[in-house]
Amino acid sequence: MNLSLIKKKVFPIIKIVSTTLIVGAMGLEIGNIYASLINHPLPQSLTPVLWIGRLAVTSHLVEGCVAAYKAPSRKEIPIKYGTYTFFVGTVGLLELFDREDD
């Protein structure tokens, strides 16, 4: 399987799954904060899920910052491309760095 075929077939699936999971992680964290505020904590079985979600959101935030920093060199709008990369993850960075320098 060559790289262009992977980009066409796999990248769209990764983008959808990544966006869904990041939004879910943020929603779960908001739910956890709300539950803590009303003194009704979430079950302890969700603690590992919350930590994995925090790790994913943090890594996506770093990727988004890198994309926003590098976007002007590829003639992209920084805030737009940083937000896009925050939600889709590494695929967004790969797409940004794959573009030719004009």
PDB file of N, CA and C in Angstrom:
ATOM      1  N   MET A   1       0.852  -1.180   0.000  1.00  0.00           N
ATOM      2  CA  MET A   1       0.000   0.000   0.000  1.00  0.00           C
ATOM      3  C   MET A   1       0.895   1.239   0.000  1.00  0.00           C
ATOM      4  N   ASN A   2       0.774   2.057  -1.034  1.00  0.00           N
ATOM      5  CA  ASN A   2       1.633   3.243  -1.089  1.00  0.00           C
ATOM      6  C   ASN A   2       1.031   4.409  -0.303  1.00  0.00           C
ATOM      7  N   LEU A   3       1.840   5.436  -0.109  1.00  0.00           N
ATOM      8  CA  LEU A   3       1.452   6.542   0.770  1.00  0.00           C
ATOM      9  C   LEU A   3       0.260   7.327   0.245  1.00  0.00           C
ATOM     10  N   SER A   4       0.167   7.521  -1.059  1.00  0.00           N
ATOM     11  CA  SER A   4      -0.965   8.287  -1.593  1.00  0.00           C
ATOM     12  C   SER A   4      -2.277   7.534  -1.408  1.00  0.00           C
ATOM     13  N   LEU A   5      -2.243   6.206  -1.506  1.00  0.00           N
ATOM     14  CA  LEU A   5      -3.449   5.413  -1.272  1.00  0.00           C
ATOM     15  C   LEU A   5      -3.855   5.482   0.197  1.00  0.00           C
ATOM     16  N   ILE A   6      -2.875   5.452   1.089  1.00  0.00           N
ATOM     17  CA  ILE A   6      -3.163   5.574   2.522  1.00  0.00           C
ATOM     18  C   ILE A   6      -3.785   6.929   2.814  1.00  0.00           C
ATOM     19  N   LYS A   7      -3.242   7.990   2.216  1.00  0.00           N
ATOM     20  CA  LYS A   7      -3.788   9.328   2.434  1.00  0.00           C
ATOM     21  C   LYS A   7      -5.235   9.416   1.980  1.00  0.00           C
ATOM     22  N   LYS A   8      -5.558   8.806   0.866  1.00  0.00           N
ATOM     23  CA  LYS A   8      -6.914   8.898   0.329  1.00  0.00           C
ATOM     24  C   LYS A   8      -7.904   8.035   1.088  1.00  0.00           C
ATOM     25  N   LYS A   9      -7.483   6.879   1.575  1.00  0.00           N
ATOM     26  CA  LYS A   9      -8.409   5.936   2.206  1.00  0.00           C
ATOM     27  C   LYS A   9      -8.435   6.033   3.735  1.00  0.00           C
ATOM     28  N   VAL A  10      -7.273   6.177   4.344  1.00  0.00           N
ATOM     29  CA  VAL A  10      -7.188   6.080   5.801  1.00  0.00           C
ATOM     30  C   VAL A  10      -7.316   7.436   6.492  1.00  0.00           C
ATOM     31  N   PHE A  11      -6.722   8.482   5.919  1.00  0.00           N
ATOM     32  CA  PHE A  11      -6.758   9.794   6.565  1.00  0.00           C
ATOM     33  C   PHE A  11      -8.178  10.287   6.851  1.00  0.00           C
ATOM     34  N   PRO A  12      -9.136  10.164   5.922  1.00  0.00           N
ATOM     35  CA  PRO A  12     -10.496  10.626   6.253  1.00  0.00           C
ATOM     36  C   PRO A  12     -11.112   9.878   7.432  1.00  0.00           C
ATOM     37  N   ILE A  13     -10.832   8.594   7.536  1.00  0.00           N
ATOM     38  CA  ILE A  13     -11.361   7.812   8.658  1.00  0.00           C
ATOM     39  C   ILE A  13     -10.721   8.275   9.961  1.00  0.00           C
ATOM     40  N   ILE A  14      -9.411   8.491   9.940  1.00  0.00           N
ATOM     41  CA  ILE A  14      -8.708   8.965  11.136  1.00  0.00           C
ATOM     42  C   ILE A  14      -9.242  10.328  11.561  1.00  0.00           C
ATOM     43  N   LYS A  15      -9.512  11.200  10.600  1.00  0.00           N
ATOM     44  CA  LYS A  15     -10.030  12.538  10.921  1.00  0.00           C
ATOM     45  C   LYS A  15     -11.375  12.453  11.628  1.00  0.00           C
ATOM     46  N   ILE A  16     -12.266  11.607  11.133  1.00  0.00           N
ATOM     47  CA  ILE A  16     -13.597  11.477  11.736  1.00  0.00           C
ATOM     48  C   ILE A  16     -13.492  10.888  13.138  1.00  0.00           C
ATOM     49  N   VAL A  17     -12.728   9.816  13.283  1.00  0.00           N
ATOM     50  CA  VAL A  17     -12.580   9.169  14.586  1.00  0.00           C
ATOM     51  C   VAL A  17     -11.902  10.106  15.583  1.00  0.00           C
ATOM     52  N   SER A  18     -10.862  10.790  15.162  1.00  0.00           N
ATOM     53  CA  SER A  18     -10.137  11.693  16.047  1.00  0.00           C
ATOM     54  C   SER A  18     -11.017  12.839  16.531  1.00  0.00           C
ATOM     55  N   THR A  19     -11.741  13.447  15.602  1.00  0.00           N
ATOM     56  CA  THR A  19     -12.631  14.548  15.983  1.00  0.00           C
ATOM     57  C   THR A  19     -13.688  14.075  16.973  1.00  0.00           C
ATOM     58  N   THR A  20     -14.268  12.910  16.709  1.00  0.00           N
ATOM     59  CA  THR A  20     -15.294  12.366  17.598  1.00  0.00           C
ATOM     60  C   THR A  20     -14.730  12.095  18.990  1.00  0.00           C
ATOM     61  N   LEU A  21     -13.564  11.488  19.052  1.00  0.00           N
ATOM     62  CA  LEU A  21     -12.981  11.159  20.352  1.00  0.00           C
ATOM     63  C   LEU A  21     -12.536  12.397  21.128  1.00  0.00           C
ATOM     64  N   ILE A  22     -12.004  13.400  20.447  1.00  0.00           N
ATOM     65  CA  ILE A  22     -11.583  14.623  21.139  1.00  0.00           C
ATOM     66  C   ILE A  22     -12.797  15.358  21.701  1.00  0.00           C
ATOM     67  N   VAL A  23     -13.853  15.458  20.908  1.00  0.00           N
ATOM     68  CA  VAL A  23     -15.075  16.107  21.402  1.00  0.00           C
ATOM     69  C   VAL A  23     -15.648  15.308  22.573  1.00  0.00           C
ATOM     70  N   GLY A  24     -15.610  13.986  22.480  1.00  0.00           N
ATOM     71  CA  GLY A  24     -16.078  13.145  23.577  1.00  0.00           C
ATOM     72  C   GLY A  24     -15.247  13.324  24.837  1.00  0.00           C
ATOM     73  N   ALA A  25     -13.929  13.415  24.677  1.00  0.00           N
ATOM     74  CA  ALA A  25     -13.050  13.618  25.836  1.00  0.00           C
ATOM     75  C   ALA A  25     -13.318  14.961  26.499  1.00  0.00           C
ATOM     76  N   MET A  26     -13.520  15.996  25.676  1.00  0.00           N
ATOM     77  CA  MET A  26     -13.826  17.314  26.252  1.00  0.00           C
ATOM     78  C   MET A  26     -15.184  17.291  26.947  1.00  0.00           C
ATOM     79  N   GLY A  27     -16.157  16.623  26.358  1.00  0.00           N
ATOM     80  CA  GLY A  27     -17.474  16.515  26.985  1.00  0.00           C
ATOM     81  C   GLY A  27     -17.417  15.759  28.299  1.00  0.00           C
ATOM     82  N   LEU A  28     -16.653  14.672  28.329  1.00  0.00           N
ATOM     83  CA  LEU A  28     -16.507  13.902  29.559  1.00  0.00           C
ATOM     84  C   LEU A  28     -15.815  14.725  30.644  1.00  0.00           C
ATOM     85  N   GLU A  29     -14.831  15.505  30.263  1.00  0.00           N
ATOM     86  CA  GLU A  29     -14.138  16.355  31.236  1.00  0.00           C
ATOM     87  C   GLU A  29     -15.069  17.449  31.764  1.00  0.00           C
ATOM     88  N   ILE A  30     -15.866  18.034  30.886  1.00  0.00           N
ATOM     89  CA  ILE A  30     -16.846  19.035  31.331  1.00  0.00           C
ATOM     90  C   ILE A  30     -17.850  18.397  32.284  1.00  0.00           C
ATOM     91  N   GLY A  31     -18.281  17.183  31.958  1.00  0.00           N
ATOM     92  CA  GLY A  31     -19.188  16.460  32.853  1.00  0.00           C
ATOM     93  C   GLY A  31     -18.550  16.173  34.195  1.00  0.00           C
ATOM     94  N   ASN A  32     -17.286  15.839  34.195  1.00  0.00           N
ATOM     95  CA  ASN A  32     -16.564  15.586  35.439  1.00  0.00           C
ATOM     96  C   ASN A  32     -16.463  16.853  36.282  1.00  0.00           C
ATOM     97  N   ILE A  33     -16.166  17.974  35.636  1.00  0.00           N
ATOM     98  CA  ILE A  33     -16.091  19.249  36.362  1.00  0.00           C
ATOM     99  C   ILE A  33     -17.452  19.607  36.948  1.00  0.00           C
ATOM    100  N   TYR A  34     -18.494  19.446  36.161  1.00  0.00           N
ATOM    101  CA  TYR A  34     -19.843  19.747  36.643  1.00  0.00           C
ATOM    102  C   TYR A  34     -20.217  18.835  37.812  1.00  0.00           C
ATOM    103  N   ALA A  35     -19.899  17.550  37.685  1.00  0.00           N
ATOM    104  CA  ALA A  35     -20.219  16.611  38.758  1.00  0.00           C
ATOM    105  C   ALA A  35     -19.468  16.968  40.038  1.00  0.00           C
ATOM    106  N   SER A  36     -18.245  17.428  39.899  1.00  0.00           N
ATOM    107  CA  SER A  36     -17.477  17.837  41.078  1.00  0.00           C
ATOM    108  C   SER A  36     -18.070  19.083  41.727  1.00  0.00           C
ATOM    109  N   LEU A  37     -18.577  19.997  40.901  1.00  0.00           N
ATOM    110  CA  LEU A  37     -19.163  21.225  41.440  1.00  0.00           C
ATOM    111  C   LEU A  37     -20.435  20.963  42.240  1.00  0.00           C
ATOM    112  N   ILE A  38     -21.195  19.964  41.840  1.00  0.00           N
ATOM    113  CA  ILE A  38     -22.443  19.675  42.556  1.00  0.00           C
ATOM    114  C   ILE A  38     -22.272  18.543  43.566  1.00  0.00           C
ATOM    115  N   ASN A  39     -21.004  18.205  43.862  1.00  0.00           N
ATOM    116  CA  ASN A  39     -20.672  17.163  44.844  1.00  0.00           C
ATOM    117  C   ASN A  39     -21.304  15.817  44.510  1.00  0.00           C
ATOM    118  N   HIS A  40     -21.254  15.459  43.251  1.00  0.00           N
ATOM    119  CA  HIS A  40     -21.744  14.160  42.798  1.00  0.00           C
ATOM    120  C   HIS A  40     -20.694  13.575  41.851  1.00  0.00           C
ATOM    121  N   PRO A  41     -19.599  13.031  42.406  1.00  0.00           N
ATOM    122  CA  PRO A  41     -18.477  12.591  41.569  1.00  0.00           C
ATOM    123  C   PRO A  41     -18.851  11.437  40.639  1.00  0.00           C
ATOM    124  N   LEU A  42     -18.123  11.365  39.536  1.00  0.00           N
ATOM    125  CA  LEU A  42     -18.312  10.271  38.590  1.00  0.00           C
ATOM    126  C   LEU A  42     -17.755   8.980  39.186  1.00  0.00           C
ATOM    127  N   PRO A  43     -18.179   7.834  38.687  1.00  0.00           N
ATOM    128  CA  PRO A  43     -17.647   6.563  39.202  1.00  0.00           C
ATOM    129  C   PRO A  43     -16.129   6.466  39.028  1.00  0.00           C
ATOM    130  N   GLN A  44     -15.484   5.785  39.958  1.00  0.00           N
ATOM    131  CA  GLN A  44     -14.030   5.631  39.920  1.00  0.00           C
ATOM    132  C   GLN A  44     -13.562   4.860  38.689  1.00  0.00           C
ATOM    133  N   SER A  45     -14.440   4.070  38.102  1.00  0.00           N
ATOM    134  CA  SER A  45     -14.052   3.302  36.911  1.00  0.00           C
ATOM    135  C   SER A  45     -13.774   4.208  35.712  1.00  0.00           C
ATOM    136  N   LEU A  46     -14.239   5.455  35.751  1.00  0.00           N
ATOM    137  CA  LEU A  46     -13.995   6.388  34.656  1.00  0.00           C
ATOM    138  C   LEU A  46     -12.683   7.161  34.801  1.00  0.00           C
ATOM    139  N   THR A  47     -12.001   7.007  35.919  1.00  0.00           N
ATOM    140  CA  THR A  47     -10.754   7.739  36.139  1.00  0.00           C
ATOM    141  C   THR A  47      -9.701   7.462  35.057  1.00  0.00           C
ATOM    142  N   PRO A  48      -9.446   6.197  34.681  1.00  0.00           N
ATOM    143  CA  PRO A  48      -8.466   5.977  33.599  1.00  0.00           C
ATOM    144  C   PRO A  48      -8.901   6.592  32.269  1.00  0.00           C
ATOM    145  N   VAL A  49     -10.180   6.558  31.991  1.00  0.00           N
ATOM    146  CA  VAL A  49     -10.693   7.153  30.751  1.00  0.00           C
ATOM    147  C   VAL A  49     -10.472   8.659  30.765  1.00  0.00           C
ATOM    148  N   LEU A  50     -10.711   9.287  31.911  1.00  0.00           N
ATOM    149  CA  LEU A  50     -10.489  10.726  32.027  1.00  0.00           C
ATOM    150  C   LEU A  50      -9.015  11.077  31.822  1.00  0.00           C
ATOM    151  N   TRP A  51      -8.110  10.280  32.378  1.00  0.00           N
ATOM    152  CA  TRP A  51      -6.680  10.566  32.220  1.00  0.00           C
ATOM    153  C   TRP A  51      -6.220  10.368  30.782  1.00  0.00           C
ATOM    154  N   ILE A  52      -6.726   9.344  30.121  1.00  0.00           N
ATOM    155  CA  ILE A  52      -6.394   9.142  28.704  1.00  0.00           C
ATOM    156  C   ILE A  52      -6.933  10.307  27.874  1.00  0.00           C
ATOM    157  N   GLY A  53      -8.142  10.752  28.192  1.00  0.00           N
ATOM    158  CA  GLY A  53      -8.725  11.901  27.494  1.00  0.00           C
ATOM    159  C   GLY A  53      -7.918  13.169  27.705  1.00  0.00           C
ATOM    160  N   ARG A  54      -7.461  13.379  28.937  1.00  0.00           N
ATOM    161  CA  ARG A  54      -6.632  14.564  29.217  1.00  0.00           C
ATOM    162  C   ARG A  54      -5.319  14.512  28.443  1.00  0.00           C
ATOM    163  N   LEU A  55      -4.718  13.344  28.379  1.00  0.00           N
ATOM    164  CA  LEU A  55      -3.480  13.182  27.625  1.00  0.00           C
ATOM    165  C   LEU A  55      -3.710  13.462  26.139  1.00  0.00           C
ATOM    166  N   ALA A  56      -4.811  12.945  25.600  1.00  0.00           N
ATOM    167  CA  ALA A  56      -5.125  13.158  24.183  1.00  0.00           C
ATOM    168  C   ALA A  56      -5.389  14.633  23.894  1.00  0.00           C
ATOM    169  N   VAL A  57      -6.166  15.281  24.741  1.00  0.00           N
ATOM    170  CA  VAL A  57      -6.472  16.698  24.530  1.00  0.00           C
ATOM    171  C   VAL A  57      -5.195  17.534  24.632  1.00  0.00           C
ATOM    172  N   THR A  58      -4.326  17.208  25.585  1.00  0.00           N
ATOM    173  CA  THR A  58      -3.071  17.943  25.727  1.00  0.00           C
ATOM    174  C   THR A  58      -2.174  17.760  24.507  1.00  0.00           C
ATOM    175  N   SER A  59      -2.062  16.533  24.020  1.00  0.00           N
ATOM    176  CA  SER A  59      -1.206  16.310  22.847  1.00  0.00           C
ATOM    177  C   SER A  59      -1.788  16.981  21.612  1.00  0.00           C
ATOM    178  N   HIS A  60      -3.106  16.975  21.469  1.00  0.00           N
ATOM    179  CA  HIS A  60      -3.733  17.662  20.342  1.00  0.00           C
ATOM    180  C   HIS A  60      -3.559  19.176  20.464  1.00  0.00           C
ATOM    181  N   LEU A  61      -3.562  19.686  21.693  1.00  0.00           N
ATOM    182  CA  LEU A  61      -3.333  21.116  21.895  1.00  0.00           C
ATOM    183  C   LEU A  61      -1.919  21.504  21.459  1.00  0.00           C
ATOM    184  N   VAL A  62      -0.947  20.684  21.806  1.00  0.00           N
ATOM    185  CA  VAL A  62       0.434  20.949  21.384  1.00  0.00           C
ATOM    186  C   VAL A  62       0.532  20.896  19.858  1.00  0.00           C
ATOM    187  N   GLU A  63      -0.101  19.894  19.244  1.00  0.00           N
ATOM    188  CA  GLU A  63      -0.087  19.794  17.780  1.00  0.00           C
ATOM    189  C   GLU A  63      -0.750  21.009  17.139  1.00  0.00           C
ATOM    190  N   GLY A  64      -1.847  21.471  17.730  1.00  0.00           N
ATOM    191  CA  GLY A  64      -2.523  22.655  17.212  1.00  0.00           C
ATOM    192  C   GLY A  64      -1.660  23.897  17.304  1.00  0.00           C
ATOM    193  N   CYS A  65      -0.917  24.026  18.403  1.00  0.00           N
ATOM    194  CA  CYS A  65      -0.009  25.176  18.553  1.00  0.00           C
ATOM    195  C   CYS A  65       1.122  25.127  17.536  1.00  0.00           C
ATOM    196  N   VAL A  66       1.664  23.944  17.300  1.00  0.00           N
ATOM    197  CA  VAL A  66       2.722  23.799  16.291  1.00  0.00           C
ATOM    198  C   VAL A  66       2.182  24.154  14.914  1.00  0.00           C
ATOM    199  N   ALA A  67       0.976  23.680  14.606  1.00  0.00           N
ATOM    200  CA  ALA A  67       0.373  23.975  13.300  1.00  0.00           C
ATOM    201  C   ALA A  67       0.104  25.468  13.146  1.00  0.00           C
ATOM    202  N   ALA A  68      -0.380  26.108  14.209  1.00  0.00           N
ATOM    203  CA  ALA A  68      -0.638  27.546  14.136  1.00  0.00           C
ATOM    204  C   ALA A  68       0.663  28.321  13.942  1.00  0.00           C
ATOM    205  N   TYR A  69       1.733  27.849  14.541  1.00  0.00           N
ATOM    206  CA  TYR A  69       3.034  28.509  14.398  1.00  0.00           C
ATOM    207  C   TYR A  69       3.593  28.352  12.986  1.00  0.00           C
ATOM    208  N   LYS A  70       3.421  27.169  12.396  1.00  0.00           N
ATOM    209  CA  LYS A  70       3.990  26.888  11.083  1.00  0.00           C
ATOM    210  C   LYS A  70       3.069  27.264   9.922  1.00  0.00           C
ATOM    211  N   ALA A  71       1.800  27.512  10.175  1.00  0.00           N
ATOM    212  CA  ALA A  71       0.833  27.772   9.100  1.00  0.00           C
ATOM    213  C   ALA A  71       1.205  28.948   8.199  1.00  0.00           C
ATOM    214  N   PRO A  72       1.669  30.077   8.719  1.00  0.00           N
ATOM    215  CA  PRO A  72       2.000  31.191   7.814  1.00  0.00           C
ATOM    216  C   PRO A  72       3.069  30.846   6.780  1.00  0.00           C
ATOM    217  N   SER A  73       3.987  29.961   7.125  1.00  0.00           N
ATOM    218  CA  SER A  73       5.029  29.587   6.162  1.00  0.00           C
ATOM    219  C   SER A  73       4.467  28.754   5.015  1.00  0.00           C
ATOM    220  N   ARG A  74       3.267  28.206   5.203  1.00  0.00           N
ATOM    221  CA  ARG A  74       2.606  27.436   4.150  1.00  0.00           C
ATOM    222  C   ARG A  74       1.397  28.188   3.581  1.00  0.00           C
ATOM    223  N   LYS A  75       1.354  29.487   3.859  1.00  0.00           N
ATOM    224  CA  LYS A  75       0.281  30.374   3.385  1.00  0.00           C
ATOM    225  C   LYS A  75      -1.109  29.925   3.858  1.00  0.00           C
ATOM    226  N   GLU A  76      -1.202  29.564   5.120  1.00  0.00           N
ATOM    227  CA  GLU A  76      -2.462  29.201   5.762  1.00  0.00           C
ATOM    228  C   GLU A  76      -2.740  30.193   6.885  1.00  0.00           C
ATOM    229  N   ILE A  77      -4.010  30.327   7.246  1.00  0.00           N
ATOM    230  CA  ILE A  77      -4.406  31.187   8.359  1.00  0.00           C
ATOM    231  C   ILE A  77      -4.101  30.436   9.665  1.00  0.00           C
ATOM    232  N   PRO A  78      -3.275  31.009  10.548  1.00  0.00           N
ATOM    233  CA  PRO A  78      -2.822  30.277  11.734  1.00  0.00           C
ATOM    234  C   PRO A  78      -3.937  29.769  12.645  1.00  0.00           C
ATOM    235  N   ILE A  79      -4.883  30.628  13.012  1.00  0.00           N
ATOM    236  CA  ILE A  79      -5.919  30.197  13.954  1.00  0.00           C
ATOM    237  C   ILE A  79      -6.809  29.123  13.339  1.00  0.00           C
ATOM    238  N   LYS A  80      -7.078  29.256  12.065  1.00  0.00           N
ATOM    239  CA  LYS A  80      -7.914  28.273  11.369  1.00  0.00           C
ATOM    240  C   LYS A  80      -7.216  26.915  11.300  1.00  0.00           C
ATOM    241  N   TYR A  81      -5.967  26.917  10.893  1.00  0.00           N
ATOM    242  CA  TYR A  81      -5.262  25.649  10.750  1.00  0.00           C
ATOM    243  C   TYR A  81      -4.896  25.051  12.105  1.00  0.00           C
ATOM    244  N   GLY A  82      -4.631  25.889  13.101  1.00  0.00           N
ATOM    245  CA  GLY A  82      -4.369  25.378  14.442  1.00  0.00           C
ATOM    246  C   GLY A  82      -5.587  24.689  15.032  1.00  0.00           C
ATOM    247  N   THR A  83      -6.759  25.288  14.829  1.00  0.00           N
ATOM    248  CA  THR A  83      -7.999  24.679  15.315  1.00  0.00           C
ATOM    249  C   THR A  83      -8.281  23.372  14.587  1.00  0.00           C
ATOM    250  N   TYR A  84      -8.098  23.383  13.275  1.00  0.00           N
ATOM    251  CA  TYR A  84      -8.293  22.168  12.476  1.00  0.00           C
ATOM    252  C   TYR A  84      -7.376  21.051  12.968  1.00  0.00           C
ATOM    253  N   THR A  85      -6.113  21.377  13.193  1.00  0.00           N
ATOM    254  CA  THR A  85      -5.156  20.370  13.645  1.00  0.00           C
ATOM    255  C   THR A  85      -5.462  19.917  15.065  1.00  0.00           C
ATOM    256  N   PHE A  86      -5.989  20.805  15.906  1.00  0.00           N
ATOM    257  CA  PHE A  86      -6.379  20.393  17.249  1.00  0.00           C
ATOM    258  C   PHE A  86      -7.398  19.268  17.180  1.00  0.00           C
ATOM    259  N   PHE A  87      -8.355  19.362  16.288  1.00  0.00           N
ATOM    260  CA  PHE A  87      -9.400  18.348  16.221  1.00  0.00           C
ATOM    261  C   PHE A  87      -8.977  17.089  15.468  1.00  0.00           C
ATOM    262  N   VAL A  88      -8.207  17.203  14.397  1.00  0.00           N
ATOM    263  CA  VAL A  88      -7.853  16.004  13.625  1.00  0.00           C
ATOM    264  C   VAL A  88      -6.527  15.390  14.056  1.00  0.00           C
ATOM    265  N   GLY A  89      -5.706  16.126  14.789  1.00  0.00           N
ATOM    266  CA  GLY A  89      -4.482  15.562  15.324  1.00  0.00           C
ATOM    267  C   GLY A  89      -3.315  15.552  14.358  1.00  0.00           C
ATOM    268  N   THR A  90      -2.533  14.507  14.432  1.00  0.00           N
ATOM    269  CA  THR A  90      -1.298  14.401  13.665  1.00  0.00           C
ATOM    270  C   THR A  90      -1.537  14.466  12.165  1.00  0.00           C
ATOM    271  N   VAL A  91      -2.689  14.006  11.714  1.00  0.00           N
ATOM    272  CA  VAL A  91      -3.007  14.059  10.285  1.00  0.00           C
ATOM    273  C   VAL A  91      -2.961  15.503   9.784  1.00  0.00           C
ATOM    274  N   GLY A  92      -3.443  16.438  10.579  1.00  0.00           N
ATOM    275  CA  GLY A  92      -3.392  17.847  10.196  1.00  0.00           C
ATOM    276  C   GLY A  92      -1.964  18.345  10.047  1.00  0.00           C
ATOM    277  N   LEU A  93      -1.090  17.921  10.963  1.00  0.00           N
ATOM    278  CA  LEU A  93       0.320  18.306  10.850  1.00  0.00           C
ATOM    279  C   LEU A  93       0.963  17.675   9.621  1.00  0.00           C
ATOM    280  N   LEU A  94       0.647  16.417   9.363  1.00  0.00           N
ATOM    281  CA  LEU A  94       1.201  15.757   8.178  1.00  0.00           C
ATOM    282  C   LEU A  94       0.761  16.462   6.904  1.00  0.00           C
ATOM    283  N   GLU A  95      -0.504  16.869   6.857  1.00  0.00           N
ATOM    284  CA  GLU A  95      -1.001  17.595   5.684  1.00  0.00           C
ATOM    285  C   GLU A  95      -0.300  18.945   5.541  1.00  0.00           C
ATOM    286  N   LEU A  96      -0.094  19.629   6.654  1.00  0.00           N
ATOM    287  CA  LEU A  96       0.560  20.936   6.607  1.00  0.00           C
ATOM    288  C   LEU A  96       2.007  20.817   6.138  1.00  0.00           C
ATOM    289  N   PHE A  97       2.733  19.856   6.683  1.00  0.00           N
ATOM    290  CA  PHE A  97       4.140  19.708   6.320  1.00  0.00           C
ATOM    291  C   PHE A  97       4.327  19.074   4.951  1.00  0.00           C
ATOM    292  N   ASP A  98       3.287  18.447   4.428  1.00  0.00           N
ATOM    293  CA  ASP A  98       3.354  17.828   3.104  1.00  0.00           C
ATOM    294  C   ASP A  98       3.239  18.864   1.990  1.00  0.00           C
ATOM    295  N   ARG A  99       2.708  20.036   2.315  1.00  0.00           N
ATOM    296  CA  ARG A  99       2.537  21.087   1.305  1.00  0.00           C
ATOM    297  C   ARG A  99       3.883  21.652   0.893  1.00  0.00           C
ATOM    298  N   GLU A 100       3.947  22.023  -0.356  1.00  0.00           N
ATOM    299  CA  GLU A 100       5.180  22.604  -0.892  1.00  0.00           C
ATOM    300  C   GLU A 100       5.337  24.041  -0.413  1.00  0.00           C
ATOM    301  N   ASP A 101       6.558  24.454  -0.187  1.00  0.00           N
ATOM    302  CA  ASP A 101       6.840  25.856   0.127  1.00  0.00           C
ATOM    303  C   ASP A 101       6.703  26.677  -1.139  1.00  0.00           C
ATOM    304  N   ASP A 102       5.872  27.702  -1.084  1.00  0.00           N
ATOM    305  CA  ASP A 102       5.684  28.573  -2.259  1.00  0.00           C
ATOM    306  C   ASP A 102       6.486  29.840  -2.115  1.00  0.00           C
TER     307      ASP A 102
END
